[in-house]
Amino acid sequence: MTRLLTILAFCTLLGFLGILVFEVMRVDLAIVAGATLLLVGIDSLRAGKS
């Protein structure tokens, strides 16, 4: 159940940031969004192992 909620939250964040990046079309915003997704992904993977 926890893994399902984690995937749902990640997909929701991915959708929100995707819409934001493609509507605003700024390189710096895309870099920050990419870094955010990378950090969330790493944190999710590390939290799932413990």
C-alpha atoms as a PDB file:
ATOM      1  CA  MET A   1       0.000   0.000   0.000  1.00  0.00           C
ATOM      2  CA  THR A   2       2.837   2.389   0.828  1.00  0.00           C
ATOM      3  CA  ARG A   3       4.544   1.737  -2.506  1.00  0.00           C
ATOM      4  CA  LEU A   4       1.282   2.460  -4.354  1.00  0.00           C
ATOM      5  CA  LEU A   5       0.865   5.797  -2.578  1.00  0.00           C
ATOM      6  CA  THR A   6       4.502   6.656  -3.276  1.00  0.00           C
ATOM      7  CA  ILE A   7       4.040   5.979  -6.990  1.00  0.00           C
ATOM      8  CA  LEU A   8       0.801   7.973  -7.031  1.00  0.00           C
ATOM      9  CA  ALA A   9       2.461  10.947  -5.317  1.00  0.00           C
ATOM     10  CA  PHE A  10       5.439  10.814  -7.690  1.00  0.00           C
ATOM     11  CA  CYS A  11       3.148  10.712 -10.745  1.00  0.00           C
ATOM     12  CA  THR A  12       1.123  13.639  -9.394  1.00  0.00           C
ATOM     13  CA  LEU A  13       4.282  15.688  -8.858  1.00  0.00           C
ATOM     14  CA  LEU A  14       5.553  14.678 -12.300  1.00  0.00           C
ATOM     15  CA  GLY A  15       2.302  15.811 -13.904  1.00  0.00           C
ATOM     16  CA  PHE A  16       2.262  19.122 -12.070  1.00  0.00           C
ATOM     17  CA  LEU A  17       5.878  19.925 -12.878  1.00  0.00           C
ATOM     18  CA  GLY A  18       5.431  18.779 -16.481  1.00  0.00           C
ATOM     19  CA  ILE A  19       2.503  21.124 -17.014  1.00  0.00           C
ATOM     20  CA  LEU A  20       4.383  23.948 -15.309  1.00  0.00           C
ATOM     21  CA  VAL A  21       7.536  23.487 -17.394  1.00  0.00           C
ATOM     22  CA  PHE A  22       5.750  23.099 -20.731  1.00  0.00           C
ATOM     23  CA  GLU A  23       3.452  26.076 -20.139  1.00  0.00           C
ATOM     24  CA  VAL A  24       6.120  28.494 -18.906  1.00  0.00           C
ATOM     25  CA  MET A  25       8.946  27.235 -21.191  1.00  0.00           C
ATOM     26  CA  ARG A  26      11.907  28.522 -19.187  1.00  0.00           C
ATOM     27  CA  VAL A  27      15.211  26.674 -19.083  1.00  0.00           C
ATOM     28  CA  ASP A  28      15.947  27.535 -15.466  1.00  0.00           C
ATOM     29  CA  LEU A  29      12.534  26.293 -14.373  1.00  0.00           C
ATOM     30  CA  ALA A  30      13.092  23.032 -16.258  1.00  0.00           C
ATOM     31  CA  ILE A  31      16.442  22.548 -14.494  1.00  0.00           C
ATOM     32  CA  VAL A  32      14.882  23.119 -11.073  1.00  0.00           C
ATOM     33  CA  ALA A  33      11.985  20.780 -11.895  1.00  0.00           C
ATOM     34  CA  GLY A  34      14.411  18.098 -13.075  1.00  0.00           C
ATOM     35  CA  ALA A  35      16.484  18.433  -9.930  1.00  0.00           C
ATOM     36  CA  THR A  36      13.329  18.211  -7.826  1.00  0.00           C
ATOM     37  CA  LEU A  37      12.228  15.017  -9.558  1.00  0.00           C
ATOM     38  CA  LEU A  38      15.712  13.549  -9.169  1.00  0.00           C
ATOM     39  CA  LEU A  39      15.797  14.281  -5.429  1.00  0.00           C
ATOM     40  CA  VAL A  40      12.274  12.940  -4.886  1.00  0.00           C
ATOM     41  CA  GLY A  41      13.125   9.787  -6.819  1.00  0.00           C
ATOM     42  CA  ILE A  42      16.298   9.188  -4.832  1.00  0.00           C
ATOM     43  CA  ASP A  43      14.498   9.823  -1.552  1.00  0.00           C
ATOM     44  CA  SER A  44      11.672   7.465  -2.512  1.00  0.00           C
ATOM     45  CA  LEU A  45      14.081   4.700  -3.423  1.00  0.00           C
ATOM     46  CA  ARG A  46      16.111   5.100  -0.229  1.00  0.00           C
ATOM     47  CA  ALA A  47      12.995   5.231   1.969  1.00  0.00           C
ATOM     48  CA  GLY A  48      11.588   2.104   0.305  1.00  0.00           C
ATOM     49  CA  LYS A  49      14.677   0.060   1.186  1.00  0.00           C
ATOM     50  CA  SER A  50      14.429   0.683   4.923  1.00  0.00           C
END
